[in-house]
Amino acid sequence: MKFRRRKFSETADLDVTPFMNLMIVLVPVLLLSLVFTHTTVIDLNFPSGESSGEIDPDAVHLEVVVHDNRLIVGDGRGGAIKTLSKLEDGHDFEQLSLVMQELKRRMPEKRDITILLEDETDYQTLVSVMDRVRSYAALSGLEVVHAELFPVISLGTATPDAQVSSVAPGAGGQS
C-alpha cells in the first residue's frame, strides 16, 4: 500500500501590525499640522460697473493712487492730501503708514478706502499698500498688536497721467 502524503501548506497570516503602527503615528501628525496651517482671507469690495460718478461733497472718499514713481493719498474729490515720491529701493511704505495713521486720528469712524492702481503695478506693491492701509503695528503694554486703520478696501484703475482722480469709472467706492 502506498501512502499518499498530503502536503500541508500553511496559509500565511497577513501581519498588519506595522501598518497599524504607521497609522497610529501618521493620523496625529496630520491632525497637528492642521492646527498650524492658517489661511488669511481679506475681503475686498470690487467696483461695480454701474457707478454714477457723482460724489457727495460732505463725505470724504479716501484713496491711494499707486503710480510707478510715486504714491498719492487723495480725498476723492481731486485733491491730493500727500504725495510720496519713490525712494531708491522702492515706494515709501513707512511714510504711507504714518499718513494713514494721521488720517485715522482725524477721522476715527472712517473705515473704507479705495486703492487705484496703474495697469503695470506688480502684485507685491499692491499687497504692501494694502497692508499699510489696513493696519499698523502698535505697542500695547508689552505686546505688539495690529491697530486697525482702514480695513474696508476697494480696488480700481488709476489713469497713468492723473494726479488723483475724483472717482474713476468703475472705481466707485462701496458696492
Protein backbone atom coordinates (compact mmCIF):
# COMPACT_ATOMS: atom_id res chain seq x y z
CA MET A 1 0.00 0.00 0.00
CA LYS A 2 1.14 3.31 -0.91
CA PHE A 3 0.59 6.12 1.39
CA ARG A 4 -0.07 9.38 -0.11
CA ARG A 5 1.39 12.15 1.73
CA ARG A 6 -0.54 15.23 1.70
CA LYS A 7 1.40 18.34 1.59
CA PHE A 8 0.18 20.65 4.24
CA SER A 9 0.57 24.15 3.06
CA GLU A 10 0.31 26.73 5.73
CA THR A 11 -1.60 29.79 4.86
CA ALA A 12 0.41 32.83 5.64
CA ASP A 13 -1.23 35.22 8.04
CA LEU A 14 -1.25 38.80 7.00
CA ASP A 15 0.57 40.81 9.63
CA VAL A 16 -0.98 44.28 9.74
CA THR A 17 0.84 45.39 12.87
CA PRO A 18 3.42 47.58 11.03
CA PHE A 19 0.64 49.24 9.03
CA MET A 20 -1.37 49.92 12.17
CA ASN A 21 1.71 51.39 13.85
CA LEU A 22 2.16 53.68 10.86
CA MET A 23 -1.46 54.84 11.05
CA ILE A 24 -1.21 55.43 14.79
CA VAL A 25 1.71 57.78 14.19
CA LEU A 26 0.51 59.34 10.93
CA VAL A 27 -3.01 60.36 11.98
CA PRO A 28 -1.96 62.54 14.96
CA VAL A 29 0.84 64.15 12.92
CA LEU A 30 -1.60 65.11 10.18
CA LEU A 31 -4.13 66.41 12.70
CA LEU A 32 -1.48 68.51 14.42
CA SER A 33 -0.33 70.01 11.14
CA LEU A 34 -3.85 71.28 10.52
CA VAL A 35 -3.66 73.44 13.64
CA PHE A 36 -0.60 75.29 12.37
CA THR A 37 -1.93 75.93 8.89
CA HIS A 38 -3.74 79.27 8.79
CA THR A 39 -5.26 80.90 5.76
CA THR A 40 -5.89 84.62 5.83
CA VAL A 41 -8.76 85.99 3.80
CA ILE A 42 -9.04 89.68 3.01
CA ASP A 43 -12.46 90.92 1.98
CA LEU A 44 -12.26 93.28 -0.97
CA ASN A 45 -15.01 95.39 -2.47
CA PHE A 46 -14.58 95.39 -6.22
CA PRO A 47 -16.16 98.24 -8.11
CA SER A 48 -19.47 97.73 -9.81
CA GLY A 49 -19.81 98.76 -13.43
CA GLU A 50 -22.77 101.00 -12.57
CA SER A 51 -21.04 103.85 -10.73
CA SER A 52 -22.67 107.16 -11.49
CA GLY A 53 -19.63 109.35 -10.95
CA GLU A 54 -21.49 111.64 -8.52
CA ILE A 55 -19.63 112.44 -5.33
CA ASP A 56 -21.23 113.52 -2.10
CA PRO A 57 -19.29 116.71 -1.20
CA ASP A 58 -19.84 116.18 2.54
CA ALA A 59 -18.31 112.70 2.59
CA VAL A 60 -14.60 112.18 2.13
CA HIS A 61 -13.61 109.21 -0.01
CA LEU A 62 -10.02 108.40 0.81
CA GLU A 63 -7.96 106.93 -1.98
CA VAL A 64 -4.38 105.91 -2.58
CA VAL A 65 -3.22 106.14 -6.18
CA VAL A 66 -0.25 103.88 -6.91
CA HIS A 67 1.98 105.07 -9.75
CA ASP A 68 5.30 103.54 -10.67
CA ASN A 69 7.21 106.59 -9.37
CA ARG A 70 5.00 107.87 -6.52
CA LEU A 71 2.10 107.21 -4.17
CA ILE A 72 -0.64 109.81 -3.89
CA VAL A 73 -3.06 109.91 -0.96
CA GLY A 74 -6.16 111.81 -2.02
CA ASP A 75 -9.55 112.84 -0.72
CA GLY A 76 -11.56 111.52 -3.66
CA ARG A 77 -12.59 114.95 -4.88
CA GLY A 78 -9.49 115.59 -6.93
CA GLY A 79 -7.30 116.94 -4.13
CA ALA A 80 -4.04 115.39 -3.06
CA ILE A 81 -3.52 115.10 0.68
CA LYS A 82 0.05 113.82 0.44
CA THR A 83 2.34 112.80 -2.43
CA LEU A 84 5.07 110.30 -1.55
CA SER A 85 7.92 110.09 -4.03
CA LYS A 86 9.54 106.75 -4.74
CA LEU A 87 12.77 106.02 -2.90
CA GLU A 88 15.82 104.35 -4.42
CA ASP A 89 14.79 100.93 -3.06
CA GLY A 90 11.04 101.23 -3.74
CA HIS A 91 7.95 103.05 -2.59
CA ASP A 92 7.96 104.78 0.80
CA PHE A 93 5.54 102.45 2.59
CA GLU A 94 6.63 103.60 6.06
CA GLN A 95 5.63 107.19 5.25
CA LEU A 96 2.37 105.89 3.78
CA SER A 97 1.64 104.15 7.08
CA LEU A 98 2.30 107.38 9.00
CA VAL A 99 -0.04 109.33 6.70
CA MET A 100 -2.75 106.68 7.18
CA GLN A 101 -2.33 106.85 10.97
CA GLU A 102 -2.74 110.64 10.90
CA LEU A 103 -5.85 110.35 8.72
CA LYS A 104 -7.30 107.77 11.12
CA ARG A 105 -6.71 110.14 14.05
CA ARG A 106 -8.63 112.84 12.19
CA MET A 107 -11.44 110.52 11.06
CA PRO A 108 -11.73 107.68 13.60
CA GLU A 109 -15.12 106.48 12.33
CA LYS A 110 -13.93 106.12 8.72
CA ARG A 111 -13.23 102.50 7.70
CA ASP A 112 -13.16 102.45 3.90
CA ILE A 113 -10.53 103.44 1.36
CA THR A 114 -10.00 102.97 -2.36
CA ILE A 115 -6.71 101.88 -3.88
CA LEU A 116 -6.27 102.88 -7.51
CA LEU A 117 -3.59 101.04 -9.46
CA GLU A 118 -1.92 101.54 -12.80
CA ASP A 119 -2.04 98.60 -15.21
CA GLU A 120 1.66 97.83 -14.74
CA THR A 121 1.58 97.68 -10.92
CA ASP A 122 3.12 94.49 -9.59
CA TYR A 123 1.41 92.25 -7.06
CA GLN A 124 3.90 92.81 -4.23
CA THR A 125 3.34 96.58 -4.41
CA LEU A 126 -0.42 96.03 -4.17
CA VAL A 127 -0.04 93.75 -1.14
CA SER A 128 2.36 96.18 0.57
CA VAL A 129 -0.01 99.12 0.04
CA MET A 130 -2.96 97.07 1.32
CA ASP A 131 -1.00 96.02 4.41
CA ARG A 132 -0.05 99.62 5.26
CA VAL A 133 -3.58 100.94 4.65
CA ARG A 134 -5.38 98.21 6.61
CA SER A 135 -3.42 98.25 9.89
CA TYR A 136 -0.19 99.19 11.61
CA ALA A 137 1.88 97.64 14.38
CA ALA A 138 1.31 99.42 17.70
CA LEU A 139 2.73 98.75 21.13
CA SER A 140 0.10 97.93 23.74
CA GLY A 141 1.70 97.28 27.11
CA LEU A 142 4.43 94.78 26.35
CA GLU A 143 2.77 93.31 23.27
CA VAL A 144 2.80 94.40 19.66
CA VAL A 145 -0.73 94.50 18.26
CA HIS A 146 -2.06 95.42 14.84
CA ALA A 147 -4.21 98.54 15.18
CA GLU A 148 -6.94 98.96 12.61
CA LEU A 149 -6.76 101.79 10.08
CA PHE A 150 -8.98 101.35 7.02
CA PRO A 151 -9.88 97.65 6.68
CA VAL A 152 -12.60 98.02 4.01
CA ILE A 153 -10.60 98.22 0.79
CA SER A 154 -11.92 98.84 -2.71
CA LEU A 155 -9.78 98.46 -5.81
CA GLY A 156 -9.86 100.46 -9.00
CA THR A 157 -7.81 101.50 -12.00
CA ALA A 158 -5.79 104.71 -12.00
CA THR A 159 -5.14 106.70 -15.10
CA PRO A 160 -1.39 106.87 -15.75
CA ASP A 161 -1.17 110.66 -16.01
CA ALA A 162 -3.78 111.84 -13.50
CA GLN A 163 -2.67 113.07 -10.09
CA VAL A 164 -5.77 112.00 -8.18
CA SER A 165 -8.96 111.06 -9.95
CA SER A 166 -12.24 112.10 -8.48
CA VAL A 167 -13.80 108.66 -8.85
CA ALA A 168 -12.53 106.75 -11.82
CA PRO A 169 -15.14 104.99 -13.91
CA GLY A 170 -15.68 101.61 -12.37
CA ALA A 171 -13.79 102.55 -9.22
CA GLY A 172 -16.84 103.87 -7.45
CA GLY A 173 -16.10 103.09 -3.81
CA GLN A 174 -18.51 100.85 -1.91
CA SER A 175 -20.68 98.38 -3.77
